[in-house]
């Protein structure tokens, strides 16, 4: 695999937007060509070479690996819309890492800021530390968030992660978020996502969930009253067919809002909410 190494010369004073740092943009390019790729620093148009020392050359998209070193906490949009290849970030990273990516893998050996993996369409994003708010979420004004792929956060994530996630078993799209702990409003407006939390969560988990599965192996500070307790289970089958063993209490919901696919009982004339969202909390 062809490797391209980028070492940050100095942490930028203002946010630096680098959507050109992807295997797609580096493919087949020499060091000189990579250095000339455009980045944005405030309202100024700059180049990668202005901020990074660059070594190596790009191969084919899927055979290109980008290694980034330095304090990148003020560097945004690394891996945006990438379709293949690999990116490894050794250090903390700024907002929008891997947003809208559809293939390949990104590994961050550190923490990530807000909107990590926003509207992910495929591929894999792994962060060994913590991540900010809106992980895998839909951007404001969009009705679809993460549609496929895997986001794995070893530490804690902020609020409103995986909003408007959309999965499909027939289409074999299984958008999945795994994390250590989570903030409030995790998985709201879910339409088929899978969320696995190893530790505790804050309030309002799964609000307005239509379809999907949320598994919490720790505790939830407050479960929404619109979730109905079904009973205890020892095994959970995820949308992908994978299974999780353990002792959990199963809830269905969210039953606070009548969904578009609610059905009318022909005998009673009553509307039955056919929501099949599931929330599992460890006992």
C-alpha atoms as a PDB file:
ATOM      1  CA  UNK A   1       0.000   0.000   0.000  1.00  0.00           C
ATOM      2  CA  UNK A   2       1.310   3.457  -0.949  1.00  0.00           C
ATOM      3  CA  UNK A   3       1.855   5.700   2.071  1.00  0.00           C
ATOM      4  CA  UNK A   4       1.721   9.475   2.239  1.00  0.00           C
ATOM      5  CA  UNK A   5       2.915  11.101   5.474  1.00  0.00           C
ATOM      6  CA  UNK A   6       1.779  14.553   6.535  1.00  0.00           C
ATOM      7  CA  UNK A   7       3.335  16.229   9.561  1.00  0.00           C
ATOM      8  CA  UNK A   8       1.736  19.433  10.789  1.00  0.00           C
ATOM      9  CA  UNK A   9       4.309  22.239  10.921  1.00  0.00           C
ATOM     10  CA  UNK A  10       2.445  24.257  13.546  1.00  0.00           C
ATOM     11  CA  UNK A  11      -1.011  24.140  15.088  1.00  0.00           C
ATOM     12  CA  UNK A  12      -3.076  26.719  13.157  1.00  0.00           C
ATOM     13  CA  UNK A  13      -4.450  29.650  15.140  1.00  0.00           C
ATOM     14  CA  UNK A  14      -7.756  29.455  13.256  1.00  0.00           C
ATOM     15  CA  UNK A  15      -9.740  26.448  11.977  1.00  0.00           C
ATOM     16  CA  UNK A  16      -8.137  24.912   8.902  1.00  0.00           C
ATOM     17  CA  UNK A  17     -10.470  23.094   6.471  1.00  0.00           C
ATOM     18  CA  UNK A  18      -8.751  20.252   4.619  1.00  0.00           C
ATOM     19  CA  UNK A  19     -11.382  18.287   2.705  1.00  0.00           C
ATOM     20  CA  UNK A  20      -8.703  17.531   0.107  1.00  0.00           C
ATOM     21  CA  UNK A  21      -6.878  15.235   2.565  1.00  0.00           C
ATOM     22  CA  UNK A  22      -8.390  11.973   1.360  1.00  0.00           C
ATOM     23  CA  UNK A  23      -7.055   8.926  -0.532  1.00  0.00           C
ATOM     24  CA  UNK A  24      -9.361   9.972  -3.398  1.00  0.00           C
ATOM     25  CA  UNK A  25      -7.588  13.307  -3.799  1.00  0.00           C
ATOM     26  CA  UNK A  26      -4.072  11.892  -3.209  1.00  0.00           C
ATOM     27  CA  UNK A  27      -4.427   8.943  -5.612  1.00  0.00           C
ATOM     28  CA  UNK A  28      -1.721   8.910  -8.297  1.00  0.00           C
ATOM     29  CA  UNK A  29      -0.195  12.202  -7.166  1.00  0.00           C
ATOM     30  CA  UNK A  30       3.426  13.072  -6.417  1.00  0.00           C
ATOM     31  CA  UNK A  31       4.619  14.980  -3.344  1.00  0.00           C
ATOM     32  CA  UNK A  32       4.704  18.215  -5.341  1.00  0.00           C
ATOM     33  CA  UNK A  33       1.145  17.723  -6.565  1.00  0.00           C
ATOM     34  CA  UNK A  34      -0.158  16.866  -3.080  1.00  0.00           C
ATOM     35  CA  UNK A  35       1.458  19.975  -1.621  1.00  0.00           C
ATOM     36  CA  UNK A  36      -0.437  22.124  -4.138  1.00  0.00           C
ATOM     37  CA  UNK A  37      -3.892  20.806  -3.177  1.00  0.00           C
ATOM     38  CA  UNK A  38      -6.154  23.566  -1.878  1.00  0.00           C
ATOM     39  CA  UNK A  39      -7.132  24.007   1.789  1.00  0.00           C
ATOM     40  CA  UNK A  40      -8.996  26.887   3.433  1.00  0.00           C
ATOM     41  CA  UNK A  41      -7.705  28.950   6.331  1.00  0.00           C
ATOM     42  CA  UNK A  42     -10.378  31.375   7.445  1.00  0.00           C
ATOM     43  CA  UNK A  43     -11.325  33.272   4.273  1.00  0.00           C
ATOM     44  CA  UNK A  44      -7.982  32.541   2.618  1.00  0.00           C
ATOM     45  CA  UNK A  45      -7.195  29.891   0.026  1.00  0.00           C
ATOM     46  CA  UNK A  46      -3.975  28.087   0.937  1.00  0.00           C
ATOM     47  CA  UNK A  47      -2.266  24.790   0.056  1.00  0.00           C
ATOM     48  CA  UNK A  48      -1.441  21.618   1.969  1.00  0.00           C
ATOM     49  CA  UNK A  49       2.236  22.477   1.639  1.00  0.00           C
ATOM     50  CA  UNK A  50       1.706  25.708   3.576  1.00  0.00           C
ATOM     51  CA  UNK A  51       0.791  23.721   6.714  1.00  0.00           C
ATOM     52  CA  UNK A  52       2.262  20.221   6.337  1.00  0.00           C
ATOM     53  CA  UNK A  53       5.553  18.552   5.573  1.00  0.00           C
ATOM     54  CA  UNK A  54       4.709  15.888   2.983  1.00  0.00           C
ATOM     55  CA  UNK A  55       6.504  12.671   2.024  1.00  0.00           C
ATOM     56  CA  UNK A  56       5.438   9.729  -0.135  1.00  0.00           C
ATOM     57  CA  UNK A  57       3.219   9.372  -3.193  1.00  0.00           C
ATOM     58  CA  UNK A  58      -0.343   8.193  -3.698  1.00  0.00           C
ATOM     59  CA  UNK A  59      -1.273   4.917  -5.388  1.00  0.00           C
ATOM     60  CA  UNK A  60      -4.755   3.797  -6.409  1.00  0.00           C
ATOM     61  CA  UNK A  61      -7.512   5.069  -4.123  1.00  0.00           C
ATOM     62  CA  UNK A  62      -7.991   1.783  -2.273  1.00  0.00           C
ATOM     63  CA  UNK A  63      -4.221   1.290  -1.996  1.00  0.00           C
ATOM     64  CA  UNK A  64      -3.429   4.697  -0.532  1.00  0.00           C
ATOM     65  CA  UNK A  65      -2.785   5.206   3.189  1.00  0.00           C
ATOM     66  CA  UNK A  66      -2.430   8.682   4.674  1.00  0.00           C
ATOM     67  CA  UNK A  67      -0.593   9.159   7.988  1.00  0.00           C
ATOM     68  CA  UNK A  68      -1.106  12.442   9.843  1.00  0.00           C
ATOM     69  CA  UNK A  69       0.917  13.585  12.865  1.00  0.00           C
ATOM     70  CA  UNK A  70       0.593  16.612  15.106  1.00  0.00           C
ATOM     71  CA  UNK A  71      -1.998  18.506  17.106  1.00  0.00           C
ATOM     72  CA  UNK A  72      -4.804  18.552  14.568  1.00  0.00           C
ATOM     73  CA  UNK A  73      -7.502  19.713  16.990  1.00  0.00           C
ATOM     74  CA  UNK A  74      -8.012  22.838  14.878  1.00  0.00           C
ATOM     75  CA  UNK A  75      -7.998  20.962  11.551  1.00  0.00           C
ATOM     76  CA  UNK A  76     -11.419  20.154  10.086  1.00  0.00           C
ATOM     77  CA  UNK A  77     -12.909  17.842   7.435  1.00  0.00           C
ATOM     78  CA  UNK A  78     -10.156  15.244   7.163  1.00  0.00           C
ATOM     79  CA  UNK A  79     -11.465  12.339   5.091  1.00  0.00           C
ATOM     80  CA  UNK A  80     -14.565  14.133   3.890  1.00  0.00           C
ATOM     81  CA  UNK A  81     -16.457  12.118   1.236  1.00  0.00           C
ATOM     82  CA  UNK A  82     -13.659   9.542   0.935  1.00  0.00           C
ATOM     83  CA  UNK A  83     -14.609   6.341  -0.909  1.00  0.00           C
ATOM     84  CA  UNK A  84     -11.673   4.050  -0.090  1.00  0.00           C
ATOM     85  CA  UNK A  85      -8.167   3.730   1.246  1.00  0.00           C
ATOM     86  CA  UNK A  86      -7.070   4.473   4.791  1.00  0.00           C
ATOM     87  CA  UNK A  87      -6.298   7.460   7.016  1.00  0.00           C
ATOM     88  CA  UNK A  88      -4.489   7.253  10.367  1.00  0.00           C
ATOM     89  CA  UNK A  89      -4.410  10.330  12.583  1.00  0.00           C
ATOM     90  CA  UNK A  90      -1.912  10.272  15.454  1.00  0.00           C
ATOM     91  CA  UNK A  91      -3.243  13.017  17.688  1.00  0.00           C
ATOM     92  CA  UNK A  92      -6.436  14.901  18.424  1.00  0.00           C
ATOM     93  CA  UNK A  93      -8.517  16.025  15.462  1.00  0.00           C
ATOM     94  CA  UNK A  94     -11.040  18.782  14.735  1.00  0.00           C
ATOM     95  CA  UNK A  95     -14.636  18.778  13.547  1.00  0.00           C
ATOM     96  CA  UNK A  96     -16.233  16.790  10.710  1.00  0.00           C
ATOM     97  CA  UNK A  97     -13.703  13.943  10.548  1.00  0.00           C
ATOM     98  CA  UNK A  98     -14.914  11.430   7.947  1.00  0.00           C
ATOM     99  CA  UNK A  99     -18.181  13.200   7.252  1.00  0.00           C
ATOM    100  CA  UNK A 100     -20.134  11.792   4.296  1.00  0.00           C
ATOM    101  CA  UNK A 101     -17.515   9.083   3.716  1.00  0.00           C
ATOM    102  CA  UNK A 102     -18.745   6.004   1.848  1.00  0.00           C
ATOM    103  CA  UNK A 103     -15.764   3.641   2.018  1.00  0.00           C
ATOM    104  CA  UNK A 104     -12.340   3.001   3.470  1.00  0.00           C
ATOM    105  CA  UNK A 105     -11.213   3.348   7.061  1.00  0.00           C
ATOM    106  CA  UNK A 106     -10.195   6.211   9.342  1.00  0.00           C
ATOM    107  CA  UNK A 107      -8.398   5.625  12.649  1.00  0.00           C
ATOM    108  CA  UNK A 108      -7.901   8.503  15.100  1.00  0.00           C
ATOM    109  CA  UNK A 109      -5.433   7.784  17.894  1.00  0.00           C
ATOM    110  CA  UNK A 110      -6.794  10.552  20.082  1.00  0.00           C
ATOM    111  CA  UNK A 111      -9.961  12.591  20.558  1.00  0.00           C
ATOM    112  CA  UNK A 112     -12.282  14.066  17.925  1.00  0.00           C
ATOM    113  CA  UNK A 113     -14.404  17.218  17.956  1.00  0.00           C
ATOM    114  CA  UNK A 114     -18.091  17.556  16.929  1.00  0.00           C
ATOM    115  CA  UNK A 115     -19.765  15.967  13.902  1.00  0.00           C
ATOM    116  CA  UNK A 116     -17.402  12.970  13.639  1.00  0.00           C
ATOM    117  CA  UNK A 117     -18.693  10.649  10.911  1.00  0.00           C
ATOM    118  CA  UNK A 118     -21.677  12.875  10.205  1.00  0.00           C
ATOM    119  CA  UNK A 119     -24.017  11.350   7.592  1.00  0.00           C
ATOM    120  CA  UNK A 120     -21.664   8.398   7.084  1.00  0.00           C
ATOM    121  CA  UNK A 121     -22.667   6.296   4.071  1.00  0.00           C
ATOM    122  CA  UNK A 122     -20.177   3.454   4.459  1.00  0.00           C
ATOM    123  CA  UNK A 123     -16.697   2.547   5.599  1.00  0.00           C
ATOM    124  CA  UNK A 124     -15.360   2.593   9.140  1.00  0.00           C
ATOM    125  CA  UNK A 125     -14.416   5.378  11.537  1.00  0.00           C
ATOM    126  CA  UNK A 126     -12.625   4.465  14.777  1.00  0.00           C
ATOM    127  CA  UNK A 127     -11.630   6.919  17.502  1.00  0.00           C
ATOM    128  CA  UNK A 128      -9.582   5.635  20.436  1.00  0.00           C
ATOM    129  CA  UNK A 129     -10.446   8.562  22.715  1.00  0.00           C
ATOM    130  CA  UNK A 130     -13.587  10.675  23.141  1.00  0.00           C
ATOM    131  CA  UNK A 131     -15.737  12.378  20.509  1.00  0.00           C
ATOM    132  CA  UNK A 132     -17.867  15.523  20.652  1.00  0.00           C
ATOM    133  CA  UNK A 133     -21.533  16.084  19.879  1.00  0.00           C
ATOM    134  CA  UNK A 134     -23.473  14.879  16.801  1.00  0.00           C
ATOM    135  CA  UNK A 135     -21.464  11.731  16.041  1.00  0.00           C
ATOM    136  CA  UNK A 136     -22.899  10.174  12.859  1.00  0.00           C
ATOM    137  CA  UNK A 137     -25.752  12.682  12.922  1.00  0.00           C
ATOM    138  CA  UNK A 138     -27.649  14.423  10.148  1.00  0.00           C
ATOM    139  CA  UNK A 139     -26.602  17.980   9.416  1.00  0.00           C
ATOM    140  CA  UNK A 140     -29.216  20.655  10.087  1.00  0.00           C
ATOM    141  CA  UNK A 141     -31.907  20.614   7.405  1.00  0.00           C
ATOM    142  CA  UNK A 142     -31.289  16.993   6.340  1.00  0.00           C
ATOM    143  CA  UNK A 143     -33.704  14.130   7.030  1.00  0.00           C
ATOM    144  CA  UNK A 144     -31.177  11.312   6.713  1.00  0.00           C
ATOM    145  CA  UNK A 145     -28.114  10.878   8.868  1.00  0.00           C
ATOM    146  CA  UNK A 146     -25.827   7.853   8.869  1.00  0.00           C
ATOM    147  CA  UNK A 147     -26.950   5.267   6.290  1.00  0.00           C
ATOM    148  CA  UNK A 148     -24.340   2.504   6.502  1.00  0.00           C
ATOM    149  CA  UNK A 149     -20.932   1.604   7.913  1.00  0.00           C
ATOM    150  CA  UNK A 150     -19.450   1.507  11.400  1.00  0.00           C
ATOM    151  CA  UNK A 151     -18.447   4.200  13.887  1.00  0.00           C
ATOM    152  CA  UNK A 152     -16.535   3.000  16.933  1.00  0.00           C
ATOM    153  CA  UNK A 153     -15.676   5.398  19.742  1.00  0.00           C
ATOM    154  CA  UNK A 154     -13.716   3.878  22.622  1.00  0.00           C
ATOM    155  CA  UNK A 155     -14.444   6.747  25.007  1.00  0.00           C
ATOM    156  CA  UNK A 156     -17.435   8.995  25.600  1.00  0.00           C
ATOM    157  CA  UNK A 157     -19.513  10.745  22.944  1.00  0.00           C
ATOM    158  CA  UNK A 158     -21.514  13.946  23.355  1.00  0.00           C
ATOM    159  CA  UNK A 159     -25.183  14.730  22.760  1.00  0.00           C
ATOM    160  CA  UNK A 160     -27.459  13.993  19.779  1.00  0.00           C
ATOM    161  CA  UNK A 161     -25.388  11.228  18.229  1.00  0.00           C
ATOM    162  CA  UNK A 162     -26.807   9.231  15.310  1.00  0.00           C
ATOM    163  CA  UNK A 163     -29.837  11.473  14.726  1.00  0.00           C
ATOM    164  CA  UNK A 164     -32.038  10.479  11.772  1.00  0.00           C
ATOM    165  CA  UNK A 165     -30.057   7.283  11.161  1.00  0.00           C
ATOM    166  CA  UNK A 166     -31.559   5.180   8.370  1.00  0.00           C
ATOM    167  CA  UNK A 167     -30.891   1.463   7.877  1.00  0.00           C
ATOM    168  CA  UNK A 168     -32.464  -1.250   5.755  1.00  0.00           C
ATOM    169  CA  UNK A 169     -32.319  -4.992   6.266  1.00  0.00           C
ATOM    170  CA  UNK A 170     -33.499  -5.808   2.680  1.00  0.00           C
ATOM    171  CA  UNK A 171     -30.848  -3.451   1.279  1.00  0.00           C
ATOM    172  CA  UNK A 172     -28.244  -4.840   3.714  1.00  0.00           C
ATOM    173  CA  UNK A 173     -27.477  -1.424   5.147  1.00  0.00           C
ATOM    174  CA  UNK A 174     -26.657  -1.727   8.845  1.00  0.00           C
ATOM    175  CA  UNK A 175     -25.431   1.639  10.194  1.00  0.00           C
ATOM    176  CA  UNK A 176     -23.821   0.906  13.564  1.00  0.00           C
ATOM    177  CA  UNK A 177     -22.448   3.078  16.359  1.00  0.00           C
ATOM    178  CA  UNK A 178     -20.421   1.592  19.212  1.00  0.00           C
ATOM    179  CA  UNK A 179     -19.177   3.729  22.080  1.00  0.00           C
ATOM    180  CA  UNK A 180     -18.006   3.659  25.681  1.00  0.00           C
ATOM    181  CA  UNK A 181     -20.488   6.154  27.142  1.00  0.00           C
ATOM    182  CA  UNK A 182     -23.012   8.589  25.666  1.00  0.00           C
ATOM    183  CA  UNK A 183     -24.670  11.931  26.380  1.00  0.00           C
ATOM    184  CA  UNK A 184     -28.313  12.960  25.929  1.00  0.00           C
ATOM    185  CA  UNK A 185     -30.667  12.377  22.991  1.00  0.00           C
ATOM    186  CA  UNK A 186     -28.767   9.407  21.604  1.00  0.00           C
ATOM    187  CA  UNK A 187     -30.395   7.907  18.495  1.00  0.00           C
ATOM    188  CA  UNK A 188     -33.327  10.298  18.206  1.00  0.00           C
ATOM    189  CA  UNK A 189     -35.505   9.960  15.080  1.00  0.00           C
ATOM    190  CA  UNK A 190     -33.952   6.545  14.366  1.00  0.00           C
ATOM    191  CA  UNK A 191     -35.163   4.651  11.300  1.00  0.00           C
ATOM    192  CA  UNK A 192     -33.114   1.476  11.530  1.00  0.00           C
ATOM    193  CA  UNK A 193     -29.826   2.141  13.289  1.00  0.00           C
ATOM    194  CA  UNK A 194     -27.909  -0.062  15.723  1.00  0.00           C
ATOM    195  CA  UNK A 195     -26.305   1.529  18.780  1.00  0.00           C
ATOM    196  CA  UNK A 196     -24.254  -0.334  21.390  1.00  0.00           C
ATOM    197  CA  UNK A 197     -23.108   1.529  24.500  1.00  0.00           C
ATOM    198  CA  UNK A 198     -20.650  -0.236  26.795  1.00  0.00           C
ATOM    199  CA  UNK A 199     -21.283   2.093  29.741  1.00  0.00           C
ATOM    200  CA  UNK A 200     -23.819   4.670  30.905  1.00  0.00           C
ATOM    201  CA  UNK A 201     -26.037   7.129  29.002  1.00  0.00           C
ATOM    202  CA  UNK A 202     -27.739  10.382  29.844  1.00  0.00           C
ATOM    203  CA  UNK A 203     -31.460  11.100  29.309  1.00  0.00           C
ATOM    204  CA  UNK A 204     -33.882  10.903  26.377  1.00  0.00           C
ATOM    205  CA  UNK A 205     -32.274   7.919  24.646  1.00  0.00           C
ATOM    206  CA  UNK A 206     -34.167   6.801  21.531  1.00  0.00           C
ATOM    207  CA  UNK A 207     -36.635   9.684  21.436  1.00  0.00           C
ATOM    208  CA  UNK A 208     -38.979   9.340  18.433  1.00  0.00           C
ATOM    209  CA  UNK A 209     -37.383   6.039  17.419  1.00  0.00           C
ATOM    210  CA  UNK A 210     -39.381   4.279  14.680  1.00  0.00           C
ATOM    211  CA  UNK A 211     -37.080   1.360  13.944  1.00  0.00           C
ATOM    212  CA  UNK A 212     -33.714   0.311  15.270  1.00  0.00           C
ATOM    213  CA  UNK A 213     -31.958  -1.199  18.265  1.00  0.00           C
ATOM    214  CA  UNK A 214     -30.219   0.508  21.170  1.00  0.00           C
ATOM    215  CA  UNK A 215     -28.272  -1.645  23.628  1.00  0.00           C
ATOM    216  CA  UNK A 216     -27.009  -0.048  26.850  1.00  0.00           C
ATOM    217  CA  UNK A 217     -24.734  -2.242  28.945  1.00  0.00           C
ATOM    218  CA  UNK A 218     -24.621   0.320  31.732  1.00  0.00           C
ATOM    219  CA  UNK A 219     -27.352   2.590  33.081  1.00  0.00           C
ATOM    220  CA  UNK A 220     -29.587   5.316  31.624  1.00  0.00           C
ATOM    221  CA  UNK A 221     -30.144   8.348  33.855  1.00  0.00           C
ATOM    222  CA  UNK A 222     -33.829   8.448  32.888  1.00  0.00           C
ATOM    223  CA  UNK A 223     -35.740   6.208  30.469  1.00  0.00           C
ATOM    224  CA  UNK A 224     -38.459   7.995  28.535  1.00  0.00           C
ATOM    225  CA  UNK A 225     -41.969   7.216  29.875  1.00  0.00           C
ATOM    226  CA  UNK A 226     -43.080   6.609  26.279  1.00  0.00           C
ATOM    227  CA  UNK A 227     -41.069   3.365  26.233  1.00  0.00           C
ATOM    228  CA  UNK A 228     -43.017   0.262  27.203  1.00  0.00           C
ATOM    229  CA  UNK A 229     -41.356  -2.510  29.162  1.00  0.00           C
ATOM    230  CA  UNK A 230     -41.662  -5.909  27.488  1.00  0.00           C
ATOM    231  CA  UNK A 231     -39.653  -8.148  29.804  1.00  0.00           C
ATOM    232  CA  UNK A 232     -36.247  -9.674  30.457  1.00  0.00           C
ATOM    233  CA  UNK A 233     -34.101 -11.285  27.756  1.00  0.00           C
ATOM    234  CA  UNK A 234     -30.781 -13.135  27.729  1.00  0.00           C
ATOM    235  CA  UNK A 235     -30.005 -12.663  24.042  1.00  0.00           C
ATOM    236  CA  UNK A 236     -30.388  -9.775  21.606  1.00  0.00           C
ATOM    237  CA  UNK A 237     -30.415 -10.278  17.845  1.00  0.00           C
ATOM    238  CA  UNK A 238     -29.297  -7.179  15.981  1.00  0.00           C
ATOM    239  CA  UNK A 239     -30.579  -6.069  12.595  1.00  0.00           C
ATOM    240  CA  UNK A 240     -27.471  -7.539  10.947  1.00  0.00           C
ATOM    241  CA  UNK A 241     -28.138 -10.957  12.488  1.00  0.00           C
ATOM    242  CA  UNK A 242     -25.344 -10.675  15.056  1.00  0.00           C
ATOM    243  CA  UNK A 243     -26.247 -11.607  18.628  1.00  0.00           C
ATOM    244  CA  UNK A 244     -25.375 -10.171  22.037  1.00  0.00           C
ATOM    245  CA  UNK A 245     -25.535 -12.325  25.144  1.00  0.00           C
ATOM    246  CA  UNK A 246     -26.343 -10.989  28.607  1.00  0.00           C
ATOM    247  CA  UNK A 247     -29.155 -10.047  30.948  1.00  0.00           C
ATOM    248  CA  UNK A 248     -31.225  -7.125  29.674  1.00  0.00           C
ATOM    249  CA  UNK A 249     -34.636  -5.528  30.125  1.00  0.00           C
ATOM    250  CA  UNK A 250     -36.336  -5.033  26.757  1.00  0.00           C
ATOM    251  CA  UNK A 251     -38.432  -1.959  25.978  1.00  0.00           C
ATOM    252  CA  UNK A 252     -40.344  -0.962  22.830  1.00  0.00           C
ATOM    253  CA  UNK A 253     -40.773   2.592  21.623  1.00  0.00           C
ATOM    254  CA  UNK A 254     -40.909   5.398  21.100  1.00  0.00           C
ATOM    255  CA  UNK A 255     -44.721   5.357  21.583  1.00  0.00           C
ATOM    256  CA  UNK A 256     -45.124   9.099  22.155  1.00  0.00           C
ATOM    257  CA  UNK A 257     -45.934   9.916  18.540  1.00  0.00           C
ATOM    258  CA  UNK A 258     -48.140   8.022  16.086  1.00  0.00           C
ATOM    259  CA  UNK A 259     -45.950   6.958  13.206  1.00  0.00           C
ATOM    260  CA  UNK A 260     -46.847   7.212   9.541  1.00  0.00           C
ATOM    261  CA  UNK A 261     -47.000   3.428   9.345  1.00  0.00           C
ATOM    262  CA  UNK A 262     -49.519   3.091  12.217  1.00  0.00           C
ATOM    263  CA  UNK A 263     -52.352   0.699  11.424  1.00  0.00           C
ATOM    264  CA  UNK A 264     -56.099   0.900  12.064  1.00  0.00           C
ATOM    265  CA  UNK A 265     -57.640  -2.128  13.723  1.00  0.00           C
ATOM    266  CA  UNK A 266     -60.637  -3.065  11.533  1.00  0.00           C
ATOM    267  CA  UNK A 267     -62.590  -4.469  14.485  1.00  0.00           C
ATOM    268  CA  UNK A 268     -62.099  -1.696  17.034  1.00  0.00           C
ATOM    269  CA  UNK A 269     -61.290   1.219  14.728  1.00  0.00           C
ATOM    270  CA  UNK A 270     -58.379   2.139  17.013  1.00  0.00           C
ATOM    271  CA  UNK A 271     -54.984   3.194  15.745  1.00  0.00           C
ATOM    272  CA  UNK A 272     -52.221   0.814  16.746  1.00  0.00           C
ATOM    273  CA  UNK A 273     -48.702   2.162  16.811  1.00  0.00           C
ATOM    274  CA  UNK A 274     -46.602  -0.428  14.961  1.00  0.00           C
ATOM    275  CA  UNK A 275     -43.290   1.045  16.077  1.00  0.00           C
ATOM    276  CA  UNK A 276     -40.772  -1.767  16.432  1.00  0.00           C
ATOM    277  CA  UNK A 277     -37.892   0.195  17.889  1.00  0.00           C
ATOM    278  CA  UNK A 278     -36.147  -1.611  20.731  1.00  0.00           C
ATOM    279  CA  UNK A 279     -34.188  -0.434  23.747  1.00  0.00           C
ATOM    280  CA  UNK A 280     -32.242  -2.929  25.874  1.00  0.00           C
ATOM    281  CA  UNK A 281     -30.800  -1.957  29.253  1.00  0.00           C
ATOM    282  CA  UNK A 282     -28.550  -4.241  31.300  1.00  0.00           C
ATOM    283  CA  UNK A 283     -29.988  -5.494  34.575  1.00  0.00           C
END
